[in-house]
Structure formats: structure tokens, C-alpha cells
Amino acid sequence: GSIKNLTALTGIDIRFKGSGMNLAEVGPIIEKKLPTTDNFAVQGRLKGSMKALSLQEAMGRASLAGMSVAFDGEITDVLALRSINIRLKASGKELAAIGPLVGSDLPKIGPFDVRGHLAGSAKLLLAKEFSALVDKSDFKGLVKVAFLKRPKITVRREASVLDFTALMHSLE
């Protein structure tokens, strides 16, 4: 790629591609805490300036202990997380395995497959075209999270099958 003005960091147009065995090892380089993974790959195009840097043609995947996550899409202003437009897929053998990644203990209720389209910004995130299969239950709908002083979460869902068997066993 190229950077037209290196001292001002403007005119950036860089294609990148990277992969590795553990995403957490990249964290110190970018001064962010990243989750531990078995392997990961990411590619995309950074365009603009450091005042308004966009991520385009982004694709990525990561896996950890029987779970996998994949995404593709774009973010208009990466540093401010403005105008997010990303499709996301996640699946795994056990939903409880997500717990450490989100800082919570989740019940052992079986395999999961989640898909959705994330749109919005750092202030409001919308998961539309959302669908999830968890064990034998299925869900479809919309999730909206407004990041206010106290986060506001709105969920509209429908389900054709809800099986509480695994959840009830995990709570015993």
C-alpha cells in the first residue's frame, strides 16, 4: 500500500493480511488486551488518515477449544468505532466455553451456532438478522444495545423451539 504524507499520516491506503497461533500475543503490540485463541487470520484494507481511518474489505476468523468465530465487513472510522457494518458467525461445542471471553460464568447447555449482522457505532450497536441455535433451541430476532451511562439492551426475539432440559440440568 501507500501513505501519501507519512509525517501527517494522511493518504493511507494499505492492504494487510496476518495470521498466527494466538491473538493474545498481538495485544501488547497494539496496547489492547485480546483474547487467547488457538489460531487466527485477518485481512483487510485501511484507508484514510489517522483522524478518520476506515477499515474496508475486512475478513477474519479465530478459533479456541472447539469454538470458531468469523466476520467480514467494514468500519468507517476505526478509532471512533463509527459506522460499523459487520456480518458475524460463531459456533462451538459448548456455550459455557464463551464465558471466560466475556468475563462471565455461563451454564453448560450444549453446542451453539450464532449468526448476525452488526451495525451501528460505539454509542449504539444493533444485531439484526440475528439467529442462534443453542443445543436444541432456536432463536431469531434483533438485539439493540445503547451504550449510555447505564447500558440499555432491547431484545426482540422469536423461537420455534425452546428446550430448557440442558439448562435445568446445569442449574441443579
C-alpha atoms as a PDB file:
ATOM      1  CA  GLY A   1       0.000   0.000   0.000  1.00  0.00           C
ATOM      2  CA  SER A   2       0.935   3.600   0.366  1.00  0.00           C
ATOM      3  CA  ILE A   3       0.908   6.573   2.728  1.00  0.00           C
ATOM      4  CA  LYS A   4       0.941   9.875   0.831  1.00  0.00           C
ATOM      5  CA  ASN A   5       2.043  12.026   3.774  1.00  0.00           C
ATOM      6  CA  LEU A   6       3.997   9.969   6.301  1.00  0.00           C
ATOM      7  CA  THR A   7       4.551  12.770   8.832  1.00  0.00           C
ATOM      8  CA  ALA A   8       0.851  13.738   8.938  1.00  0.00           C
ATOM      9  CA  LEU A   9      -0.328  10.128   8.451  1.00  0.00           C
ATOM     10  CA  THR A  10      -2.757  11.079   5.688  1.00  0.00           C
ATOM     11  CA  GLY A  11      -3.496   9.450   2.364  1.00  0.00           C
ATOM     12  CA  ILE A  12      -3.272   5.974   3.880  1.00  0.00           C
ATOM     13  CA  ASP A  13      -4.222   3.093   1.587  1.00  0.00           C
ATOM     14  CA  ILE A  14      -2.795  -0.152   2.918  1.00  0.00           C
ATOM     15  CA  ARG A  15      -3.889  -3.743   2.392  1.00  0.00           C
ATOM     16  CA  PHE A  16      -2.937  -6.085   5.217  1.00  0.00           C
ATOM     17  CA  LYS A  17      -3.051  -9.782   5.940  1.00  0.00           C
ATOM     18  CA  GLY A  18      -1.980 -11.534   9.097  1.00  0.00           C
ATOM     19  CA  SER A  19      -2.316 -14.815  10.916  1.00  0.00           C
ATOM     20  CA  GLY A  20      -0.908 -16.530  13.937  1.00  0.00           C
ATOM     21  CA  MET A  21      -1.332 -19.099  16.657  1.00  0.00           C
ATOM     22  CA  ASN A  22      -2.545 -16.813  19.485  1.00  0.00           C
ATOM     23  CA  LEU A  23      -4.306 -13.464  19.096  1.00  0.00           C
ATOM     24  CA  ALA A  24      -3.412 -12.529  22.713  1.00  0.00           C
ATOM     25  CA  GLU A  25       0.233 -12.196  21.660  1.00  0.00           C
ATOM     26  CA  VAL A  26      -0.719  -9.323  19.332  1.00  0.00           C
ATOM     27  CA  GLY A  27      -2.320  -7.386  22.226  1.00  0.00           C
ATOM     28  CA  PRO A  28       0.871  -5.815  23.658  1.00  0.00           C
ATOM     29  CA  ILE A  29       1.869  -4.592  20.189  1.00  0.00           C
ATOM     30  CA  ILE A  30      -1.370  -2.600  19.779  1.00  0.00           C
ATOM     31  CA  GLU A  31      -1.718  -1.901  23.533  1.00  0.00           C
ATOM     32  CA  LYS A  32      -5.055  -3.759  23.775  1.00  0.00           C
ATOM     33  CA  LYS A  33      -5.964  -6.890  25.705  1.00  0.00           C
ATOM     34  CA  LEU A  34      -7.030  -9.523  23.175  1.00  0.00           C
ATOM     35  CA  PRO A  35      -8.492 -12.985  23.852  1.00  0.00           C
ATOM     36  CA  THR A  36      -6.424 -16.142  23.742  1.00  0.00           C
ATOM     37  CA  THR A  37      -7.006 -18.205  20.591  1.00  0.00           C
ATOM     38  CA  ASP A  38      -5.741 -21.416  19.046  1.00  0.00           C
ATOM     39  CA  ASN A  39      -5.208 -19.663  15.719  1.00  0.00           C
ATOM     40  CA  PHE A  40      -6.427 -16.582  13.866  1.00  0.00           C
ATOM     41  CA  ALA A  41      -6.319 -14.861  10.499  1.00  0.00           C
ATOM     42  CA  VAL A  42      -7.358 -11.371   9.479  1.00  0.00           C
ATOM     43  CA  GLN A  43      -7.126  -9.282   6.331  1.00  0.00           C
ATOM     44  CA  GLY A  44      -8.482  -6.013   5.056  1.00  0.00           C
ATOM     45  CA  ARG A  45      -7.736  -2.556   3.780  1.00  0.00           C
ATOM     46  CA  LEU A  46      -7.030   0.561   5.862  1.00  0.00           C
ATOM     47  CA  LYS A  47      -7.846   3.800   4.097  1.00  0.00           C
ATOM     48  CA  GLY A  48      -7.903   7.487   5.057  1.00  0.00           C
ATOM     49  CA  SER A  49      -5.940   9.270   7.777  1.00  0.00           C
ATOM     50  CA  MET A  50      -5.294   8.800  11.470  1.00  0.00           C
ATOM     51  CA  LYS A  51      -8.111  11.303  12.088  1.00  0.00           C
ATOM     52  CA  ALA A  52     -10.587   9.174  10.101  1.00  0.00           C
ATOM     53  CA  LEU A  53      -9.209   5.730   9.304  1.00  0.00           C
ATOM     54  CA  SER A  54     -11.641   3.294   7.687  1.00  0.00           C
ATOM     55  CA  LEU A  55     -11.425  -0.486   7.622  1.00  0.00           C
ATOM     56  CA  GLN A  56     -12.704  -1.934   4.359  1.00  0.00           C
ATOM     57  CA  GLU A  57     -12.921  -5.419   2.844  1.00  0.00           C
ATOM     58  CA  ALA A  58     -12.247  -6.870   6.303  1.00  0.00           C
ATOM     59  CA  MET A  59     -12.381 -10.607   6.903  1.00  0.00           C
ATOM     60  CA  GLY A  60     -11.229 -12.594   9.860  1.00  0.00           C
ATOM     61  CA  ARG A  61     -11.525 -15.816  11.779  1.00  0.00           C
ATOM     62  CA  ALA A  62     -10.341 -17.215  15.085  1.00  0.00           C
ATOM     63  CA  SER A  63     -10.796 -20.453  16.967  1.00  0.00           C
ATOM     64  CA  LEU A  64     -10.324 -21.717  20.501  1.00  0.00           C
ATOM     65  CA  ALA A  65     -11.057 -25.096  22.044  1.00  0.00           C
ATOM     66  CA  GLY A  66     -13.825 -26.209  19.681  1.00  0.00           C
ATOM     67  CA  MET A  67     -15.223 -22.700  19.109  1.00  0.00           C
ATOM     68  CA  SER A  68     -14.861 -20.640  15.969  1.00  0.00           C
ATOM     69  CA  VAL A  69     -15.668 -17.037  15.071  1.00  0.00           C
ATOM     70  CA  ALA A  70     -15.661 -15.484  11.600  1.00  0.00           C
ATOM     71  CA  PHE A  71     -16.523 -11.982  10.413  1.00  0.00           C
ATOM     72  CA  ASP A  72     -16.500  -9.792   7.351  1.00  0.00           C
ATOM     73  CA  GLY A  73     -17.449  -6.177   6.781  1.00  0.00           C
ATOM     74  CA  GLU A  74     -16.261  -2.634   7.353  1.00  0.00           C
ATOM     75  CA  ILE A  75     -15.957   0.159   9.910  1.00  0.00           C
ATOM     76  CA  THR A  76     -15.988   3.725   8.606  1.00  0.00           C
ATOM     77  CA  ASP A  77     -13.954   5.242  11.457  1.00  0.00           C
ATOM     78  CA  VAL A  78     -11.987   2.513  13.238  1.00  0.00           C
ATOM     79  CA  LEU A  79     -10.623   4.680  16.056  1.00  0.00           C
ATOM     80  CA  ALA A  80     -14.053   6.113  16.989  1.00  0.00           C
ATOM     81  CA  LEU A  81     -15.959   2.930  16.031  1.00  0.00           C
ATOM     82  CA  ARG A  82     -18.270   4.930  13.816  1.00  0.00           C
ATOM     83  CA  SER A  83     -20.481   3.243  11.226  1.00  0.00           C
ATOM     84  CA  ILE A  84     -19.936  -0.448  11.964  1.00  0.00           C
ATOM     85  CA  ASN A  85     -21.217  -2.862   9.313  1.00  0.00           C
ATOM     86  CA  ILE A  86     -20.073  -6.417  10.054  1.00  0.00           C
ATOM     87  CA  ARG A  87     -21.504  -9.907   9.493  1.00  0.00           C
ATOM     88  CA  LEU A  88     -20.580 -12.325  12.255  1.00  0.00           C
ATOM     89  CA  LYS A  89     -20.734 -16.116  12.723  1.00  0.00           C
ATOM     90  CA  ALA A  90     -19.788 -18.033  15.870  1.00  0.00           C
ATOM     91  CA  SER A  91     -20.184 -21.702  16.696  1.00  0.00           C
ATOM     92  CA  GLY A  92     -18.889 -24.208  19.163  1.00  0.00           C
ATOM     93  CA  LYS A  93     -19.316 -27.456  21.009  1.00  0.00           C
ATOM     94  CA  GLU A  94     -20.260 -25.847  24.345  1.00  0.00           C
ATOM     95  CA  LEU A  95     -21.813 -22.421  25.059  1.00  0.00           C
ATOM     96  CA  ALA A  96     -20.150 -22.270  28.507  1.00  0.00           C
ATOM     97  CA  ALA A  97     -16.745 -22.016  26.780  1.00  0.00           C
ATOM     98  CA  ILE A  98     -17.611 -18.412  25.810  1.00  0.00           C
ATOM     99  CA  GLY A  99     -17.789 -17.435  29.499  1.00  0.00           C
ATOM    100  CA  PRO A 100     -14.099 -16.581  30.020  1.00  0.00           C
ATOM    101  CA  LEU A 101     -14.096 -14.474  26.835  1.00  0.00           C
ATOM    102  CA  VAL A 102     -16.992 -12.308  28.078  1.00  0.00           C
ATOM    103  CA  GLY A 103     -15.987 -12.388  31.748  1.00  0.00           C
ATOM    104  CA  SER A 104     -18.946 -14.432  32.978  1.00  0.00           C
ATOM    105  CA  ASP A 105     -19.800 -17.967  34.033  1.00  0.00           C
ATOM    106  CA  LEU A 106     -22.282 -19.464  31.584  1.00  0.00           C
ATOM    107  CA  PRO A 107     -24.197 -22.709  32.105  1.00  0.00           C
ATOM    108  CA  LYS A 108     -23.179 -25.853  30.248  1.00  0.00           C
ATOM    109  CA  ILE A 109     -26.095 -26.273  27.861  1.00  0.00           C
ATOM    110  CA  GLY A 110     -24.521 -27.686  24.738  1.00  0.00           C
ATOM    111  CA  PRO A 111     -23.479 -26.660  21.237  1.00  0.00           C
ATOM    112  CA  PHE A 112     -24.243 -23.266  19.707  1.00  0.00           C
ATOM    113  CA  ASP A 113     -24.360 -21.570  16.313  1.00  0.00           C
ATOM    114  CA  VAL A 114     -24.907 -17.790  16.265  1.00  0.00           C
ATOM    115  CA  ARG A 115     -25.119 -15.534  13.206  1.00  0.00           C
ATOM    116  CA  GLY A 116     -25.969 -11.906  12.768  1.00  0.00           C
ATOM    117  CA  HIS A 117     -25.287  -8.570  11.174  1.00  0.00           C
ATOM    118  CA  LEU A 118     -23.764  -5.954  13.498  1.00  0.00           C
ATOM    119  CA  ALA A 119     -24.458  -2.356  12.570  1.00  0.00           C
ATOM    120  CA  GLY A 120     -24.092   0.901  14.442  1.00  0.00           C
ATOM    121  CA  SER A 121     -21.384   2.687  16.374  1.00  0.00           C
ATOM    122  CA  ALA A 122     -19.657   2.888  19.750  1.00  0.00           C
ATOM    123  CA  LYS A 123     -22.857   4.515  21.100  1.00  0.00           C
ATOM    124  CA  LEU A 124     -25.484   2.189  19.608  1.00  0.00           C
ATOM    125  CA  LEU A 125     -24.955  -1.343  18.332  1.00  0.00           C
ATOM    126  CA  LEU A 126     -27.664  -3.284  16.528  1.00  0.00           C
ATOM    127  CA  ALA A 127     -27.540  -7.032  15.865  1.00  0.00           C
ATOM    128  CA  LYS A 128     -30.052  -7.559  13.084  1.00  0.00           C
ATOM    129  CA  GLU A 129     -30.772 -10.704  11.104  1.00  0.00           C
ATOM    130  CA  PHE A 130     -29.767 -12.402  14.359  1.00  0.00           C
ATOM    131  CA  SER A 131     -30.230 -16.169  14.644  1.00  0.00           C
ATOM    132  CA  ALA A 132     -28.966 -18.647  17.184  1.00  0.00           C
ATOM    133  CA  LEU A 133     -29.183 -22.371  17.740  1.00  0.00           C
ATOM    134  CA  VAL A 134     -28.285 -23.369  21.288  1.00  0.00           C
ATOM    135  CA  ASP A 135     -28.487 -27.099  21.952  1.00  0.00           C
ATOM    136  CA  LYS A 136     -31.998 -27.878  20.618  1.00  0.00           C
ATOM    137  CA  SER A 137     -33.446 -24.348  20.911  1.00  0.00           C
ATOM    138  CA  ASP A 138     -33.559 -21.775  18.131  1.00  0.00           C
ATOM    139  CA  PHE A 139     -33.872 -18.005  18.327  1.00  0.00           C
ATOM    140  CA  LYS A 140     -34.280 -15.277  15.733  1.00  0.00           C
ATOM    141  CA  GLY A 141     -34.672 -11.567  16.137  1.00  0.00           C
ATOM    142  CA  LEU A 142     -32.992  -8.288  16.874  1.00  0.00           C
ATOM    143  CA  VAL A 143     -30.739  -7.090  19.681  1.00  0.00           C
ATOM    144  CA  LYS A 144     -30.074  -3.394  20.279  1.00  0.00           C
ATOM    145  CA  VAL A 145     -27.532  -2.119  22.818  1.00  0.00           C
ATOM    146  CA  ALA A 146     -27.324   1.595  23.612  1.00  0.00           C
ATOM    147  CA  PHE A 147     -24.112   2.449  25.475  1.00  0.00           C
ATOM    148  CA  LEU A 148     -25.353   5.116  27.859  1.00  0.00           C
ATOM    149  CA  LYS A 149     -24.339   5.826  31.468  1.00  0.00           C
ATOM    150  CA  ARG A 150     -26.153   2.547  32.155  1.00  0.00           C
ATOM    151  CA  PRO A 151     -26.347   0.340  29.050  1.00  0.00           C
ATOM    152  CA  LYS A 152     -29.841  -0.158  27.641  1.00  0.00           C
ATOM    153  CA  ILE A 153     -30.481  -3.504  25.970  1.00  0.00           C
ATOM    154  CA  THR A 154     -33.531  -4.171  23.808  1.00  0.00           C
ATOM    155  CA  VAL A 155     -34.231  -7.688  22.570  1.00  0.00           C
ATOM    156  CA  ARG A 156     -36.961  -8.796  20.187  1.00  0.00           C
ATOM    157  CA  ARG A 157     -36.879 -12.499  19.577  1.00  0.00           C
ATOM    158  CA  GLU A 158     -38.948 -15.371  18.344  1.00  0.00           C
ATOM    159  CA  ALA A 159     -38.346 -19.056  18.757  1.00  0.00           C
ATOM    160  CA  SER A 160     -39.928 -22.103  17.209  1.00  0.00           C
ATOM    161  CA  VAL A 161     -38.313 -24.463  19.747  1.00  0.00           C
ATOM    162  CA  LEU A 162     -37.253 -23.764  23.342  1.00  0.00           C
ATOM    163  CA  ASP A 163     -35.732 -26.715  25.162  1.00  0.00           C
ATOM    164  CA  PHE A 164     -34.942 -25.988  28.826  1.00  0.00           C
ATOM    165  CA  THR A 165     -33.738 -29.540  29.597  1.00  0.00           C
ATOM    166  CA  ALA A 166     -29.974 -28.840  29.421  1.00  0.00           C
ATOM    167  CA  LEU A 167     -30.357 -25.506  31.240  1.00  0.00           C
ATOM    168  CA  MET A 168     -32.322 -27.100  34.086  1.00  0.00           C
ATOM    169  CA  HIS A 169     -29.709 -29.873  34.438  1.00  0.00           C
ATOM    170  CA  SER A 170     -26.893 -27.316  34.618  1.00  0.00           C
ATOM    171  CA  LEU A 171     -28.696 -25.368  37.365  1.00  0.00           C
ATOM    172  CA  GLU A 172     -29.229 -28.419  39.613  1.00  0.00           C
END
